[in-house]
């Protein structure tokens, strides 16, 4: 699969969301804060998950802070396909928001 933002991407909009693509259709019940973790140096980022076929989107409840590194982890054994098979390879990436003028 793929993900957006890309690993190491910079100047991502504070209002951006995280998108993940999987090779199989995803069981929506397997997507939660434990199976898709989003955090910054300040701690976990709360938000909503939306699952459609093989795509998972995470929209934060509040915009990301400016000039902040955001980490995303999808641990092995968490997100599962419709047959109940969890992913085997973990995914970890980060991106950063830019410095934005107010």
N, C-alpha and C. Protein backbone atom coordinates (compact mmCIF):
# COMPACT_ATOMS: atom_id res chain seq x y z
N UNK A 1 0.81 -1.19 0.00
CA UNK A 1 0.00 0.00 0.00
C UNK A 1 0.85 1.25 0.00
N UNK A 2 0.21 2.35 0.13
CA UNK A 2 0.88 3.65 0.16
C UNK A 2 0.31 4.48 1.30
N UNK A 3 0.92 5.62 1.55
CA UNK A 3 0.39 6.51 2.58
C UNK A 3 0.71 7.95 2.20
N UNK A 4 -0.13 8.84 2.70
CA UNK A 4 0.09 10.28 2.59
C UNK A 4 -0.17 10.89 3.96
N UNK A 5 0.61 11.85 4.35
CA UNK A 5 1.79 12.39 3.70
C UNK A 5 2.90 11.34 3.58
N UNK A 6 3.88 11.64 2.74
CA UNK A 6 5.02 10.75 2.57
C UNK A 6 5.94 10.82 3.78
N UNK A 7 6.72 9.77 3.99
CA UNK A 7 7.69 9.76 5.08
C UNK A 7 8.68 10.90 4.88
N UNK A 8 8.84 11.74 5.90
CA UNK A 8 9.78 12.85 5.83
C UNK A 8 9.24 14.08 5.14
N UNK A 9 7.99 14.04 4.67
CA UNK A 9 7.42 15.20 3.99
C UNK A 9 7.38 16.39 4.95
N UNK A 10 7.65 17.58 4.42
CA UNK A 10 7.68 18.79 5.23
C UNK A 10 6.61 19.77 4.75
N UNK A 11 6.30 20.71 5.61
CA UNK A 11 5.32 21.76 5.31
C UNK A 11 3.94 21.20 4.97
N UNK A 12 3.56 20.14 5.66
CA UNK A 12 2.22 19.58 5.50
C UNK A 12 1.24 20.53 6.17
N UNK A 13 0.10 20.75 5.56
CA UNK A 13 -0.90 21.66 6.12
C UNK A 13 -1.34 21.20 7.51
N UNK A 14 -1.54 22.17 8.40
CA UNK A 14 -1.99 21.85 9.75
C UNK A 14 -3.36 21.19 9.74
N UNK A 15 -4.13 21.44 8.70
CA UNK A 15 -5.47 20.87 8.58
C UNK A 15 -5.47 19.58 7.76
N UNK A 16 -4.29 19.07 7.46
CA UNK A 16 -4.18 17.85 6.67
C UNK A 16 -4.66 16.63 7.43
N UNK A 17 -4.85 15.55 6.69
CA UNK A 17 -5.21 14.29 7.31
C UNK A 17 -4.22 13.23 6.84
N UNK A 18 -4.28 12.08 7.48
CA UNK A 18 -3.39 10.97 7.14
C UNK A 18 -4.20 9.94 6.36
N UNK A 19 -3.65 9.49 5.23
CA UNK A 19 -4.31 8.48 4.43
C UNK A 19 -3.43 7.25 4.29
N UNK A 20 -4.01 6.08 4.47
CA UNK A 20 -3.29 4.81 4.37
C UNK A 20 -4.02 3.91 3.39
N UNK A 21 -3.27 3.23 2.55
CA UNK A 21 -3.86 2.30 1.60
C UNK A 21 -3.34 0.89 1.90
N UNK A 22 -4.24 -0.07 1.86
CA UNK A 22 -3.89 -1.46 2.12
C UNK A 22 -4.21 -2.31 0.89
N UNK A 23 -3.55 -3.45 0.76
CA UNK A 23 -3.73 -4.33 -0.39
C UNK A 23 -5.07 -5.05 -0.39
N UNK A 24 -5.67 -5.19 0.78
CA UNK A 24 -6.95 -5.88 0.91
C UNK A 24 -7.98 -4.91 1.49
N UNK A 25 -9.26 -5.27 1.35
CA UNK A 25 -10.31 -4.47 1.98
C UNK A 25 -10.16 -4.59 3.50
N UNK A 26 -10.30 -3.48 4.19
CA UNK A 26 -10.04 -3.40 5.62
C UNK A 26 -11.33 -3.61 6.42
N UNK A 27 -11.23 -4.41 7.48
CA UNK A 27 -12.33 -4.58 8.43
C UNK A 27 -12.36 -3.33 9.31
N UNK A 28 -13.42 -2.54 9.19
CA UNK A 28 -13.46 -1.25 9.89
C UNK A 28 -13.34 -1.39 11.41
N UNK A 29 -13.84 -2.48 11.98
CA UNK A 29 -13.75 -2.67 13.43
C UNK A 29 -12.30 -2.83 13.90
N UNK A 30 -11.39 -3.15 12.97
CA UNK A 30 -9.98 -3.35 13.37
C UNK A 30 -9.20 -2.03 13.38
N UNK A 31 -9.85 -0.94 12.98
CA UNK A 31 -9.18 0.36 12.91
C UNK A 31 -9.60 1.20 14.11
N UNK A 32 -8.63 1.50 14.97
CA UNK A 32 -8.89 2.29 16.18
C UNK A 32 -7.57 2.89 16.65
N UNK A 33 -7.61 3.63 17.75
CA UNK A 33 -6.41 4.33 18.22
C UNK A 33 -5.26 3.40 18.58
N UNK A 34 -5.54 2.11 18.83
CA UNK A 34 -4.47 1.16 19.12
C UNK A 34 -3.85 0.54 17.88
N UNK A 35 -4.62 0.49 16.79
CA UNK A 35 -4.11 -0.16 15.58
C UNK A 35 -3.55 0.84 14.56
N UNK A 36 -3.91 2.10 14.70
CA UNK A 36 -3.33 3.19 13.91
C UNK A 36 -3.03 4.30 14.91
N UNK A 37 -1.76 4.46 15.22
CA UNK A 37 -1.36 5.41 16.27
C UNK A 37 -0.79 6.67 15.62
N UNK A 38 -1.30 7.81 16.05
CA UNK A 38 -0.83 9.10 15.55
C UNK A 38 -0.45 9.93 16.78
N UNK A 39 0.79 10.45 16.78
CA UNK A 39 1.22 11.22 17.94
C UNK A 39 2.26 12.26 17.55
N UNK A 40 2.44 13.20 18.49
CA UNK A 40 3.49 14.21 18.38
C UNK A 40 4.30 14.16 19.68
N UNK A 41 5.26 15.05 19.79
CA UNK A 41 6.05 15.12 21.02
C UNK A 41 5.16 15.39 22.24
N UNK A 42 4.03 16.06 22.01
CA UNK A 42 3.11 16.39 23.11
C UNK A 42 2.25 15.20 23.54
N UNK A 43 2.21 14.15 22.73
CA UNK A 43 1.41 12.98 23.08
C UNK A 43 0.50 12.55 21.94
N UNK A 44 -0.44 11.63 22.23
CA UNK A 44 -1.33 11.11 21.20
C UNK A 44 -2.19 12.22 20.59
N UNK A 45 -2.50 12.05 19.29
CA UNK A 45 -3.39 12.98 18.60
C UNK A 45 -4.75 12.31 18.48
N UNK A 46 -5.79 12.95 19.02
CA UNK A 46 -7.13 12.38 18.93
C UNK A 46 -7.74 12.75 17.58
N UNK A 47 -8.58 11.86 17.08
CA UNK A 47 -9.21 12.12 15.80
C UNK A 47 -10.17 11.03 15.42
N UNK A 48 -10.65 11.12 14.19
CA UNK A 48 -11.65 10.19 13.67
C UNK A 48 -11.04 9.36 12.54
N UNK A 49 -11.46 8.11 12.48
CA UNK A 49 -11.04 7.21 11.41
C UNK A 49 -12.20 7.01 10.45
N UNK A 50 -11.88 6.93 9.17
CA UNK A 50 -12.86 6.63 8.15
C UNK A 50 -12.27 5.51 7.30
N UNK A 51 -13.02 4.41 7.17
CA UNK A 51 -12.55 3.25 6.41
C UNK A 51 -13.46 3.07 5.20
N UNK A 52 -12.85 2.98 4.03
CA UNK A 52 -13.60 2.70 2.81
C UNK A 52 -12.78 1.73 1.97
N UNK A 53 -13.27 0.51 1.88
CA UNK A 53 -12.59 -0.57 1.16
C UNK A 53 -11.18 -0.75 1.70
N UNK A 54 -10.13 -0.48 0.91
CA UNK A 54 -8.76 -0.67 1.36
C UNK A 54 -8.09 0.61 1.81
N UNK A 55 -8.88 1.65 2.08
CA UNK A 55 -8.30 2.94 2.45
C UNK A 55 -8.76 3.34 3.85
N UNK A 56 -7.80 3.80 4.65
CA UNK A 56 -8.09 4.30 5.99
C UNK A 56 -7.63 5.76 6.04
N UNK A 57 -8.52 6.65 6.44
CA UNK A 57 -8.16 8.05 6.64
C UNK A 57 -8.29 8.41 8.10
N UNK A 58 -7.35 9.21 8.58
CA UNK A 58 -7.38 9.74 9.95
C UNK A 58 -7.47 11.25 9.85
N UNK A 59 -8.50 11.82 10.47
CA UNK A 59 -8.67 13.26 10.51
C UNK A 59 -8.56 13.70 11.96
N UNK A 60 -7.57 14.53 12.30
CA UNK A 60 -7.42 14.96 13.69
C UNK A 60 -8.60 15.83 14.14
N UNK A 61 -8.94 15.74 15.43
CA UNK A 61 -10.02 16.55 15.98
C UNK A 61 -9.68 18.04 15.92
N UNK A 62 -8.42 18.36 16.11
CA UNK A 62 -7.94 19.74 16.05
C UNK A 62 -6.82 19.79 15.02
N UNK A 63 -6.61 20.94 14.36
CA UNK A 63 -5.49 21.02 13.41
C UNK A 63 -4.17 20.67 14.10
N UNK A 64 -3.25 20.10 13.33
CA UNK A 64 -1.92 19.85 13.87
C UNK A 64 -1.28 21.19 14.23
N UNK A 65 -0.39 21.18 15.20
CA UNK A 65 0.33 22.40 15.57
C UNK A 65 1.34 22.75 14.47
N UNK A 66 1.64 24.02 14.33
CA UNK A 66 2.64 24.46 13.36
C UNK A 66 4.02 23.98 13.78
N UNK A 67 4.88 23.75 12.81
CA UNK A 67 6.28 23.39 13.05
C UNK A 67 6.40 22.19 14.00
N UNK A 68 5.65 21.14 13.70
CA UNK A 68 5.58 19.97 14.57
C UNK A 68 5.80 18.70 13.75
N UNK A 69 6.54 17.75 14.32
CA UNK A 69 6.70 16.44 13.70
C UNK A 69 5.55 15.55 14.17
N UNK A 70 4.89 14.91 13.22
CA UNK A 70 3.79 14.00 13.50
C UNK A 70 4.24 12.59 13.11
N UNK A 71 4.05 11.65 14.02
CA UNK A 71 4.43 10.26 13.80
C UNK A 71 3.18 9.41 13.59
N UNK A 72 3.28 8.44 12.69
CA UNK A 72 2.17 7.52 12.43
C UNK A 72 2.74 6.11 12.48
N UNK A 73 2.08 5.25 13.27
CA UNK A 73 2.50 3.86 13.38
C UNK A 73 1.30 2.95 13.18
N UNK A 74 1.49 1.94 12.35
CA UNK A 74 0.51 0.88 12.18
C UNK A 74 1.23 -0.40 12.58
N UNK A 75 1.05 -0.83 13.85
CA UNK A 75 1.80 -2.00 14.31
C UNK A 75 1.30 -3.30 13.68
N UNK A 76 2.19 -4.26 13.56
CA UNK A 76 1.81 -5.59 13.07
C UNK A 76 0.75 -6.17 14.00
N UNK A 77 -0.17 -6.91 13.42
CA UNK A 77 -1.20 -7.57 14.22
C UNK A 77 -2.41 -6.71 14.52
N UNK A 78 -2.45 -5.49 14.03
CA UNK A 78 -3.56 -4.59 14.34
C UNK A 78 -4.63 -4.58 13.27
N UNK A 79 -4.46 -3.69 12.29
CA UNK A 79 -5.44 -3.57 11.21
C UNK A 79 -5.57 -4.91 10.48
N UNK A 80 -6.81 -5.32 10.23
CA UNK A 80 -7.06 -6.63 9.61
C UNK A 80 -7.94 -6.48 8.37
N UNK A 81 -7.83 -7.47 7.49
CA UNK A 81 -8.69 -7.49 6.30
C UNK A 81 -10.04 -8.12 6.66
N UNK A 82 -10.94 -8.19 5.69
CA UNK A 82 -12.29 -8.70 5.95
C UNK A 82 -12.30 -10.16 6.38
N UNK A 83 -11.23 -10.91 6.10
CA UNK A 83 -11.14 -12.31 6.54
C UNK A 83 -10.56 -12.43 7.94
N UNK A 84 -10.20 -11.29 8.54
CA UNK A 84 -9.65 -11.30 9.89
C UNK A 84 -8.15 -11.45 9.95
N UNK A 85 -7.47 -11.38 8.82
CA UNK A 85 -6.01 -11.52 8.79
C UNK A 85 -5.37 -10.16 9.08
N UNK A 86 -4.64 -10.05 10.20
CA UNK A 86 -4.00 -8.78 10.52
C UNK A 86 -2.75 -8.54 9.67
N UNK A 87 -2.37 -7.28 9.54
CA UNK A 87 -1.15 -6.98 8.78
C UNK A 87 0.04 -7.59 9.51
N UNK A 88 1.02 -8.01 8.73
CA UNK A 88 2.20 -8.66 9.30
C UNK A 88 3.38 -7.71 9.41
N UNK A 89 3.48 -6.76 8.49
CA UNK A 89 4.61 -5.82 8.50
C UNK A 89 4.18 -4.49 9.11
N UNK A 90 4.86 -4.06 10.17
CA UNK A 90 4.50 -2.77 10.75
C UNK A 90 4.89 -1.62 9.82
N UNK A 91 4.24 -0.51 10.01
CA UNK A 91 4.52 0.70 9.24
C UNK A 91 4.75 1.84 10.21
N UNK A 92 5.84 2.57 10.02
CA UNK A 92 6.13 3.74 10.86
C UNK A 92 6.67 4.82 9.94
N UNK A 93 6.06 6.00 10.00
CA UNK A 93 6.57 7.13 9.23
C UNK A 93 6.26 8.42 9.97
N UNK A 94 6.89 9.49 9.53
CA UNK A 94 6.66 10.79 10.15
C UNK A 94 6.64 11.86 9.07
N UNK A 95 6.03 12.97 9.41
CA UNK A 95 6.01 14.15 8.54
C UNK A 95 5.98 15.36 9.45
N UNK A 96 6.18 16.53 8.89
CA UNK A 96 6.16 17.73 9.72
C UNK A 96 5.32 18.82 9.09
N UNK A 97 4.69 19.58 9.97
CA UNK A 97 3.97 20.76 9.52
C UNK A 97 4.98 21.88 9.41
N UNK A 98 4.65 22.88 8.65
CA UNK A 98 5.57 23.98 8.47
C UNK A 98 5.34 25.10 9.46
N UNK A 99 6.12 26.14 9.31
CA UNK A 99 5.92 27.37 10.07
C UNK A 99 5.00 28.22 9.23
N UNK A 100 3.83 28.50 9.73
CA UNK A 100 2.82 29.24 8.96
C UNK A 100 2.59 30.60 9.58
N UNK A 101 2.50 31.59 8.73
CA UNK A 101 2.18 32.95 9.20
C UNK A 101 0.72 33.01 9.57
N UNK A 102 0.41 33.70 10.63
CA UNK A 102 -0.98 33.85 11.06
C UNK A 102 -1.67 34.97 10.34
